[in-house]
Amino acid sequence: MILGLSTELYTRIHVLISLIAIVAGMLVLLGMLTRRRFPILTATFLATTALTSLTGFLFPNKTITPGIVIGVLSIILLIVASAALYVGHLNGAWRGTYVICANTALWFNVFVLFAQLFAKVPELKAIAPTQASPGFLLTQGLIFILFVAVTFRACKRFHPE
């Protein structure tokens, strides 16, 4: 039981929040690439990404896991991204700071999504039974390269009014 919910139900809620965060984040990233701001989607992305980390912390663990480390880093990135957006109003260096922090937090969520897919989907687990398997490493490497390239492009293109 977690917060009075069965672990299964709590996990489903956590996953739903994570998927909402990823979809909202991808749309916000698309906005960055097309020089548009989506204030409601952005707030949804920032809030649900933070909630993803916060709900992840409540899973029972006796040790510090990679998920906990990613969650802590994500919260730090979200605080900086939120400050850049809502305090710095994306002026000057705040714009690039926001783009990099927001997209890195999104990448963390996508990284965990693919880690979970490889762990839970039998066809993917057969390709890469461990996170040290070449199929897993290649997939995560390609996703990382894609995020670096897209974030770099977003830094150049995103100049909201």
N, C-alpha and C. Protein backbone atom coordinates (compact mmCIF):
# COMPACT_ATOMS: atom_id res chain seq x y z
N MET A 1 0.83 -1.18 0.00
CA MET A 1 0.00 0.00 0.00
C MET A 1 0.89 1.26 0.00
N ILE A 2 0.49 2.21 -0.84
CA ILE A 2 1.17 3.50 -0.90
C ILE A 2 0.08 4.56 -0.86
N LEU A 3 0.15 5.44 0.13
CA LEU A 3 -0.85 6.48 0.32
C LEU A 3 -2.27 5.92 0.36
N GLY A 4 -2.41 4.75 0.93
CA GLY A 4 -3.72 4.12 1.05
C GLY A 4 -4.21 3.43 -0.21
N LEU A 5 -3.40 3.42 -1.25
CA LEU A 5 -3.76 2.76 -2.51
C LEU A 5 -2.97 1.47 -2.65
N SER A 6 -3.53 0.50 -3.35
CA SER A 6 -2.76 -0.70 -3.63
C SER A 6 -1.55 -0.30 -4.47
N THR A 7 -0.48 -1.05 -4.36
CA THR A 7 0.72 -0.73 -5.14
C THR A 7 0.42 -0.75 -6.63
N GLU A 8 -0.44 -1.66 -7.06
CA GLU A 8 -0.80 -1.73 -8.48
C GLU A 8 -1.52 -0.46 -8.94
N LEU A 9 -2.50 -0.01 -8.18
CA LEU A 9 -3.22 1.20 -8.55
C LEU A 9 -2.30 2.42 -8.49
N TYR A 10 -1.49 2.51 -7.45
CA TYR A 10 -0.55 3.62 -7.33
C TYR A 10 0.40 3.65 -8.53
N THR A 11 0.88 2.48 -8.93
CA THR A 11 1.78 2.38 -10.08
C THR A 11 1.08 2.86 -11.34
N ARG A 12 -0.16 2.46 -11.54
CA ARG A 12 -0.91 2.89 -12.73
C ARG A 12 -1.07 4.41 -12.75
N ILE A 13 -1.37 5.00 -11.61
CA ILE A 13 -1.51 6.46 -11.52
C ILE A 13 -0.17 7.13 -11.84
N HIS A 14 0.91 6.61 -11.27
CA HIS A 14 2.25 7.14 -11.52
C HIS A 14 2.59 7.07 -13.01
N VAL A 15 2.29 5.95 -13.64
CA VAL A 15 2.57 5.78 -15.07
C VAL A 15 1.72 6.75 -15.90
N LEU A 16 0.45 6.91 -15.55
CA LEU A 16 -0.42 7.84 -16.27
C LEU A 16 0.11 9.27 -16.18
N ILE A 17 0.51 9.67 -14.98
CA ILE A 17 1.09 11.00 -14.80
C ILE A 17 2.35 11.15 -15.66
N SER A 18 3.17 10.11 -15.69
CA SER A 18 4.41 10.14 -16.48
C SER A 18 4.11 10.29 -17.97
N LEU A 19 3.12 9.56 -18.45
CA LEU A 19 2.77 9.63 -19.87
C LEU A 19 2.20 11.00 -20.24
N ILE A 20 1.39 11.56 -19.36
CA ILE A 20 0.88 12.92 -19.59
C ILE A 20 2.05 13.90 -19.66
N ALA A 21 3.01 13.75 -18.75
CA ALA A 21 4.19 14.62 -18.74
C ALA A 21 4.97 14.50 -20.04
N ILE A 22 5.14 13.29 -20.53
CA ILE A 22 5.92 13.08 -21.76
C ILE A 22 5.19 13.68 -22.96
N VAL A 23 3.91 13.43 -23.09
CA VAL A 23 3.15 13.99 -24.22
C VAL A 23 3.16 15.51 -24.16
N ALA A 24 2.88 16.07 -22.99
CA ALA A 24 2.89 17.54 -22.85
C ALA A 24 4.29 18.08 -23.16
N GLY A 25 5.32 17.40 -22.67
CA GLY A 25 6.70 17.84 -22.92
C GLY A 25 7.06 17.81 -24.39
N MET A 26 6.62 16.78 -25.10
CA MET A 26 6.90 16.69 -26.54
C MET A 26 6.20 17.83 -27.29
N LEU A 27 4.99 18.16 -26.87
CA LEU A 27 4.28 19.27 -27.51
C LEU A 27 4.94 20.61 -27.19
N VAL A 28 5.42 20.77 -25.96
CA VAL A 28 6.15 21.99 -25.59
C VAL A 28 7.44 22.08 -26.41
N LEU A 29 8.13 20.97 -26.57
CA LEU A 29 9.35 20.95 -27.38
C LEU A 29 9.04 21.31 -28.83
N LEU A 30 7.96 20.78 -29.36
CA LEU A 30 7.53 21.14 -30.72
C LEU A 30 7.29 22.65 -30.81
N GLY A 31 6.68 23.20 -29.77
CA GLY A 31 6.48 24.65 -29.73
C GLY A 31 7.80 25.41 -29.75
N MET A 32 8.77 24.92 -29.01
CA MET A 32 10.08 25.57 -29.01
C MET A 32 10.68 25.57 -30.41
N LEU A 33 10.53 24.45 -31.10
CA LEU A 33 11.11 24.32 -32.44
C LEU A 33 10.38 25.18 -33.47
N THR A 34 9.12 25.50 -33.20
CA THR A 34 8.33 26.31 -34.14
C THR A 34 8.13 27.74 -33.62
N ARG A 35 8.94 28.09 -32.61
CA ARG A 35 8.93 29.45 -32.04
C ARG A 35 7.59 29.85 -31.42
N ARG A 36 6.91 28.86 -30.83
CA ARG A 36 5.62 29.15 -30.19
C ARG A 36 5.65 28.71 -28.74
N ARG A 37 4.90 29.46 -27.93
CA ARG A 37 4.75 29.10 -26.51
C ARG A 37 3.35 28.58 -26.30
N PHE A 38 3.25 27.56 -25.51
CA PHE A 38 1.98 26.98 -25.12
C PHE A 38 1.90 27.03 -23.60
N PRO A 39 1.42 28.14 -23.03
CA PRO A 39 1.48 28.33 -21.58
C PRO A 39 0.79 27.22 -20.77
N ILE A 40 -0.38 26.79 -21.19
CA ILE A 40 -1.09 25.76 -20.42
C ILE A 40 -0.36 24.41 -20.53
N LEU A 41 0.06 24.06 -21.74
CA LEU A 41 0.82 22.82 -21.91
C LEU A 41 2.14 22.87 -21.16
N THR A 42 2.78 24.02 -21.16
CA THR A 42 4.04 24.16 -20.44
C THR A 42 3.84 23.95 -18.95
N ALA A 43 2.82 24.59 -18.39
CA ALA A 43 2.53 24.40 -16.96
C ALA A 43 2.18 22.95 -16.67
N THR A 44 1.43 22.33 -17.58
CA THR A 44 1.09 20.91 -17.42
C THR A 44 2.34 20.05 -17.45
N PHE A 45 3.22 20.33 -18.40
CA PHE A 45 4.48 19.57 -18.50
C PHE A 45 5.31 19.72 -17.23
N LEU A 46 5.51 20.95 -16.79
CA LEU A 46 6.35 21.17 -15.60
C LEU A 46 5.74 20.51 -14.37
N ALA A 47 4.42 20.67 -14.19
CA ALA A 47 3.76 20.11 -13.00
C ALA A 47 3.73 18.59 -13.02
N THR A 48 3.38 18.00 -14.16
CA THR A 48 3.29 16.54 -14.21
C THR A 48 4.67 15.88 -14.19
N THR A 49 5.66 16.55 -14.73
CA THR A 49 7.02 16.01 -14.65
C THR A 49 7.51 16.03 -13.20
N ALA A 50 7.23 17.11 -12.49
CA ALA A 50 7.57 17.15 -11.06
C ALA A 50 6.79 16.09 -10.30
N LEU A 51 5.52 15.95 -10.61
CA LEU A 51 4.69 14.95 -9.93
C LEU A 51 5.16 13.53 -10.23
N THR A 52 5.67 13.31 -11.43
CA THR A 52 6.24 12.01 -11.77
C THR A 52 7.39 11.67 -10.81
N SER A 53 8.28 12.62 -10.61
CA SER A 53 9.40 12.38 -9.69
C SER A 53 8.91 12.22 -8.27
N LEU A 54 8.03 13.09 -7.84
CA LEU A 54 7.55 13.04 -6.45
C LEU A 54 6.81 11.73 -6.16
N THR A 55 5.97 11.30 -7.08
CA THR A 55 5.28 10.02 -6.84
C THR A 55 6.26 8.85 -6.92
N GLY A 56 7.29 8.99 -7.73
CA GLY A 56 8.31 7.94 -7.81
C GLY A 56 9.07 7.76 -6.51
N PHE A 57 9.25 8.84 -5.77
CA PHE A 57 9.96 8.76 -4.50
C PHE A 57 9.22 7.93 -3.46
N LEU A 58 7.91 7.78 -3.62
CA LEU A 58 7.12 7.09 -2.61
C LEU A 58 7.09 5.57 -2.77
N PHE A 59 7.64 5.07 -3.87
CA PHE A 59 7.73 3.61 -4.01
C PHE A 59 8.70 3.08 -2.96
N PRO A 60 8.39 1.92 -2.38
CA PRO A 60 9.26 1.40 -1.32
C PRO A 60 10.63 0.98 -1.87
N ASN A 61 11.66 1.57 -1.32
CA ASN A 61 13.05 1.24 -1.68
C ASN A 61 13.89 1.27 -0.41
N LYS A 62 14.80 0.34 -0.33
CA LYS A 62 15.70 0.30 0.82
C LYS A 62 17.04 0.95 0.49
N THR A 63 17.26 1.21 -0.79
CA THR A 63 18.52 1.83 -1.23
C THR A 63 18.20 2.97 -2.20
N ILE A 64 19.21 3.73 -2.50
CA ILE A 64 19.07 4.77 -3.52
C ILE A 64 19.19 4.10 -4.88
N THR A 65 18.15 4.22 -5.67
CA THR A 65 18.11 3.59 -6.99
C THR A 65 18.43 4.61 -8.08
N PRO A 66 18.73 4.15 -9.29
CA PRO A 66 18.92 5.10 -10.40
C PRO A 66 17.68 5.98 -10.61
N GLY A 67 16.49 5.42 -10.40
CA GLY A 67 15.27 6.20 -10.54
C GLY A 67 15.20 7.35 -9.55
N ILE A 68 15.66 7.11 -8.33
CA ILE A 68 15.67 8.17 -7.32
C ILE A 68 16.66 9.27 -7.71
N VAL A 69 17.82 8.88 -8.20
CA VAL A 69 18.82 9.86 -8.63
C VAL A 69 18.27 10.70 -9.78
N ILE A 70 17.65 10.04 -10.77
CA ILE A 70 17.06 10.76 -11.90
C ILE A 70 15.95 11.68 -11.40
N GLY A 71 15.15 11.21 -10.45
CA GLY A 71 14.08 12.03 -9.89
C GLY A 71 14.60 13.28 -9.22
N VAL A 72 15.66 13.15 -8.43
CA VAL A 72 16.25 14.31 -7.75
C VAL A 72 16.81 15.30 -8.79
N LEU A 73 17.53 14.79 -9.76
CA LEU A 73 18.08 15.65 -10.80
C LEU A 73 16.96 16.34 -11.59
N SER A 74 15.90 15.61 -11.86
CA SER A 74 14.78 16.17 -12.59
C SER A 74 14.12 17.31 -11.80
N ILE A 75 13.94 17.12 -10.51
CA ILE A 75 13.34 18.17 -9.68
C ILE A 75 14.22 19.43 -9.71
N ILE A 76 15.53 19.24 -9.62
CA ILE A 76 16.44 20.39 -9.69
C ILE A 76 16.29 21.10 -11.03
N LEU A 77 16.27 20.34 -12.12
CA LEU A 77 16.11 20.93 -13.45
C LEU A 77 14.78 21.67 -13.58
N LEU A 78 13.73 21.10 -13.03
CA LEU A 78 12.41 21.72 -13.11
C LEU A 78 12.34 23.02 -12.31
N ILE A 79 13.02 23.06 -11.18
CA ILE A 79 13.07 24.30 -10.39
C ILE A 79 13.77 25.39 -11.20
N VAL A 80 14.89 25.04 -11.82
CA VAL A 80 15.63 26.03 -12.62
C VAL A 80 14.82 26.45 -13.85
N ALA A 81 14.20 25.46 -14.53
CA ALA A 81 13.38 25.79 -15.71
C ALA A 81 12.21 26.68 -15.33
N SER A 82 11.57 26.39 -14.21
CA SER A 82 10.44 27.20 -13.75
C SER A 82 10.90 28.62 -13.39
N ALA A 83 12.05 28.72 -12.76
CA ALA A 83 12.58 30.04 -12.43
C ALA A 83 12.89 30.82 -13.71
N ALA A 84 13.47 30.15 -14.69
CA ALA A 84 13.78 30.81 -15.96
C ALA A 84 12.52 31.31 -16.65
N LEU A 85 11.47 30.52 -16.57
CA LEU A 85 10.22 30.86 -17.24
C LEU A 85 9.40 31.89 -16.48
N TYR A 86 9.18 31.62 -15.19
CA TYR A 86 8.23 32.43 -14.43
C TYR A 86 8.87 33.60 -13.67
N VAL A 87 10.16 33.53 -13.40
CA VAL A 87 10.85 34.63 -12.72
C VAL A 87 11.69 35.43 -13.73
N GLY A 88 12.48 34.72 -14.53
CA GLY A 88 13.33 35.38 -15.53
C GLY A 88 12.60 35.74 -16.81
N HIS A 89 11.37 35.23 -16.98
CA HIS A 89 10.54 35.53 -18.15
C HIS A 89 11.28 35.27 -19.47
N LEU A 90 12.20 34.29 -19.44
CA LEU A 90 12.95 33.86 -20.63
C LEU A 90 13.82 34.97 -21.21
N ASN A 91 14.11 36.00 -20.41
CA ASN A 91 14.96 37.10 -20.87
C ASN A 91 16.43 36.69 -20.82
N GLY A 92 17.16 37.10 -21.83
CA GLY A 92 18.61 36.86 -21.85
C GLY A 92 18.95 35.39 -21.75
N ALA A 93 19.88 35.08 -20.84
CA ALA A 93 20.35 33.70 -20.67
C ALA A 93 19.27 32.78 -20.11
N TRP A 94 18.21 33.35 -19.54
CA TRP A 94 17.12 32.52 -19.01
C TRP A 94 16.47 31.67 -20.12
N ARG A 95 16.44 32.19 -21.34
CA ARG A 95 15.81 31.46 -22.44
C ARG A 95 16.53 30.14 -22.69
N GLY A 96 17.83 30.20 -22.88
CA GLY A 96 18.61 28.98 -23.11
C GLY A 96 18.60 28.06 -21.90
N THR A 97 18.64 28.65 -20.72
CA THR A 97 18.59 27.86 -19.49
C THR A 97 17.28 27.08 -19.43
N TYR A 98 16.18 27.76 -19.75
CA TYR A 98 14.88 27.11 -19.76
C TYR A 98 14.84 25.96 -20.76
N VAL A 99 15.26 26.22 -21.98
CA VAL A 99 15.22 25.20 -23.04
C VAL A 99 16.03 23.97 -22.63
N ILE A 100 17.24 24.19 -22.14
CA ILE A 100 18.11 23.07 -21.77
C ILE A 100 17.55 22.31 -20.57
N CYS A 101 17.13 23.01 -19.55
CA CYS A 101 16.61 22.34 -18.34
C CYS A 101 15.31 21.60 -18.62
N ALA A 102 14.39 22.23 -19.34
CA ALA A 102 13.11 21.59 -19.63
C ALA A 102 13.31 20.35 -20.49
N ASN A 103 14.15 20.45 -21.51
CA ASN A 103 14.36 19.30 -22.39
C ASN A 103 15.17 18.19 -21.74
N THR A 104 16.05 18.54 -20.83
CA THR A 104 16.78 17.50 -20.10
C THR A 104 15.83 16.75 -19.16
N ALA A 105 14.93 17.48 -18.51
CA ALA A 105 13.92 16.84 -17.67
C ALA A 105 13.02 15.92 -18.51
N LEU A 106 12.66 16.38 -19.70
CA LEU A 106 11.86 15.54 -20.61
C LEU A 106 12.65 14.30 -21.01
N TRP A 107 13.92 14.48 -21.34
CA TRP A 107 14.75 13.34 -21.71
C TRP A 107 14.83 12.33 -20.57
N PHE A 108 14.95 12.79 -19.33
CA PHE A 108 14.96 11.87 -18.20
C PHE A 108 13.69 11.01 -18.19
N ASN A 109 12.54 11.65 -18.41
CA ASN A 109 11.28 10.89 -18.44
C ASN A 109 11.26 9.88 -19.58
N VAL A 110 11.74 10.29 -20.75
CA VAL A 110 11.77 9.38 -21.91
C VAL A 110 12.78 8.25 -21.66
N PHE A 111 13.90 8.57 -21.04
CA PHE A 111 14.89 7.55 -20.68
C PHE A 111 14.26 6.48 -19.80
N VAL A 112 13.55 6.92 -18.77
CA VAL A 112 12.90 5.97 -17.85
C VAL A 112 11.80 5.20 -18.58
N LEU A 113 11.05 5.88 -19.46
CA LEU A 113 10.02 5.19 -20.24
C LEU A 113 10.62 4.02 -21.00
N PHE A 114 11.71 4.26 -21.71
CA PHE A 114 12.32 3.20 -22.49
C PHE A 114 12.96 2.13 -21.60
N ALA A 115 13.50 2.52 -20.47
CA ALA A 115 14.03 1.53 -19.53
C ALA A 115 12.90 0.61 -19.06
N GLN A 116 11.74 1.19 -18.76
CA GLN A 116 10.59 0.39 -18.33
C GLN A 116 10.05 -0.47 -19.46
N LEU A 117 10.02 0.08 -20.67
CA LEU A 117 9.57 -0.72 -21.81
C LEU A 117 10.45 -1.93 -22.02
N PHE A 118 11.77 -1.74 -21.95
CA PHE A 118 12.69 -2.86 -22.12
C PHE A 118 12.58 -3.86 -20.97
N ALA A 119 12.20 -3.39 -19.80
CA ALA A 119 12.07 -4.29 -18.64
C ALA A 119 10.74 -5.04 -18.64
N LYS A 120 9.68 -4.44 -19.19
CA LYS A 120 8.33 -5.00 -19.05
C LYS A 120 7.76 -5.63 -20.31
N VAL A 121 8.16 -5.18 -21.49
CA VAL A 121 7.61 -5.72 -22.74
C VAL A 121 8.46 -6.93 -23.15
N PRO A 122 7.83 -8.11 -23.20
CA PRO A 122 8.60 -9.34 -23.45
C PRO A 122 9.44 -9.30 -24.73
N GLU A 123 8.91 -8.71 -25.81
CA GLU A 123 9.66 -8.65 -27.07
C GLU A 123 10.92 -7.78 -26.93
N LEU A 124 10.81 -6.70 -26.19
CA LEU A 124 11.98 -5.84 -25.98
C LEU A 124 12.94 -6.48 -24.99
N LYS A 125 12.40 -7.13 -23.97
CA LYS A 125 13.25 -7.81 -22.99
C LYS A 125 14.06 -8.93 -23.66
N ALA A 126 13.47 -9.58 -24.67
CA ALA A 126 14.19 -10.62 -25.41
C ALA A 126 15.36 -10.02 -26.19
N ILE A 127 15.18 -8.81 -26.71
CA ILE A 127 16.25 -8.13 -27.45
C ILE A 127 17.35 -7.67 -26.50
N ALA A 128 16.94 -7.18 -25.33
CA ALA A 128 17.90 -6.62 -24.37
C ALA A 128 17.48 -7.04 -22.96
N PRO A 129 17.95 -8.21 -22.52
CA PRO A 129 17.53 -8.71 -21.20
C PRO A 129 18.05 -7.89 -20.02
N THR A 130 19.11 -7.11 -20.22
CA THR A 130 19.63 -6.26 -19.15
C THR A 130 19.88 -4.86 -19.72
N GLN A 131 20.09 -3.92 -18.81
CA GLN A 131 20.38 -2.56 -19.26
C GLN A 131 21.80 -2.42 -19.79
N ALA A 132 22.58 -3.47 -19.67
CA ALA A 132 23.93 -3.47 -20.25
C ALA A 132 23.94 -4.10 -21.64
N SER A 133 22.79 -4.58 -22.10
CA SER A 133 22.69 -5.22 -23.41
C SER A 133 22.85 -4.19 -24.53
N PRO A 134 23.49 -4.60 -25.64
CA PRO A 134 23.71 -3.67 -26.75
C PRO A 134 22.42 -3.03 -27.28
N GLY A 135 21.33 -3.78 -27.38
CA GLY A 135 20.08 -3.22 -27.89
C GLY A 135 19.56 -2.09 -27.02
N PHE A 136 19.64 -2.26 -25.71
CA PHE A 136 19.21 -1.22 -24.78
C PHE A 136 20.13 -0.01 -24.88
N LEU A 137 21.43 -0.25 -24.85
CA LEU A 137 22.40 0.85 -24.90
C LEU A 137 22.30 1.62 -26.21
N LEU A 138 22.12 0.91 -27.33
CA LEU A 138 21.98 1.56 -28.63
C LEU A 138 20.72 2.44 -28.66
N THR A 139 19.61 1.89 -28.18
CA THR A 139 18.36 2.66 -28.16
C THR A 139 18.51 3.90 -27.30
N GLN A 140 19.03 3.75 -26.10
CA GLN A 140 19.17 4.91 -25.22
C GLN A 140 20.19 5.90 -25.78
N GLY A 141 21.23 5.40 -26.43
CA GLY A 141 22.22 6.28 -27.04
C GLY A 141 21.61 7.11 -28.17
N LEU A 142 20.80 6.46 -29.00
CA LEU A 142 20.14 7.18 -30.10
C LEU A 142 19.16 8.22 -29.57
N ILE A 143 18.42 7.86 -28.53
CA ILE A 143 17.48 8.82 -27.93
C ILE A 143 18.26 10.01 -27.36
N PHE A 144 19.37 9.74 -26.70
CA PHE A 144 20.19 10.82 -26.15
C PHE A 144 20.69 11.75 -27.25
N ILE A 145 21.23 11.18 -28.33
CA ILE A 145 21.73 11.99 -29.44
C ILE A 145 20.61 12.82 -30.05
N LEU A 146 19.44 12.22 -30.21
CA LEU A 146 18.29 12.94 -30.75
C LEU A 146 17.91 14.12 -29.84
N PHE A 147 17.88 13.89 -28.53
CA PHE A 147 17.53 14.97 -27.61
C PHE A 147 18.59 16.08 -27.61
N VAL A 148 19.85 15.72 -27.68
CA VAL A 148 20.90 16.74 -27.74
C VAL A 148 20.72 17.59 -29.00
N ALA A 149 20.50 16.94 -30.14
CA ALA A 149 20.34 17.67 -31.40
C ALA A 149 19.10 18.56 -31.38
N VAL A 150 17.99 18.02 -30.90
CA VAL A 150 16.75 18.79 -30.89
C VAL A 150 16.84 19.94 -29.88
N THR A 151 17.46 19.70 -28.74
CA THR A 151 17.62 20.76 -27.74
C THR A 151 18.52 21.87 -28.28
N PHE A 152 19.58 21.50 -28.97
CA PHE A 152 20.46 22.50 -29.59
C PHE A 152 19.67 23.34 -30.60
N ARG A 153 18.87 22.67 -31.41
CA ARG A 153 18.05 23.39 -32.41
C ARG A 153 17.02 24.28 -31.71
N ALA A 154 16.41 23.78 -30.65
CA ALA A 154 15.42 24.57 -29.92
C ALA A 154 16.06 25.81 -29.30
N CYS A 155 17.30 25.68 -28.82
CA CYS A 155 18.00 26.85 -28.26
C CYS A 155 18.18 27.93 -29.33
N LYS A 156 18.45 27.52 -30.54
CA LYS A 156 18.64 28.48 -31.61
C LYS A 156 17.32 29.09 -32.09
N ARG A 157 16.26 28.29 -32.13
CA ARG A 157 15.00 28.73 -32.72
C ARG A 157 14.03 29.38 -31.75
N PHE A 158 14.05 29.00 -30.47
CA PHE A 158 13.02 29.44 -29.54
C PHE A 158 13.30 30.86 -29.06
N HIS A 159 12.58 31.80 -29.64
CA HIS A 159 12.66 33.21 -29.25
C HIS A 159 11.24 33.73 -29.12
N PRO A 160 10.58 33.37 -28.00
CA PRO A 160 9.18 33.81 -27.84
C PRO A 160 9.10 35.33 -27.67
N GLU A 161 7.96 35.86 -28.04
CA GLU A 161 7.77 37.31 -27.93
C GLU A 161 7.57 37.71 -26.49
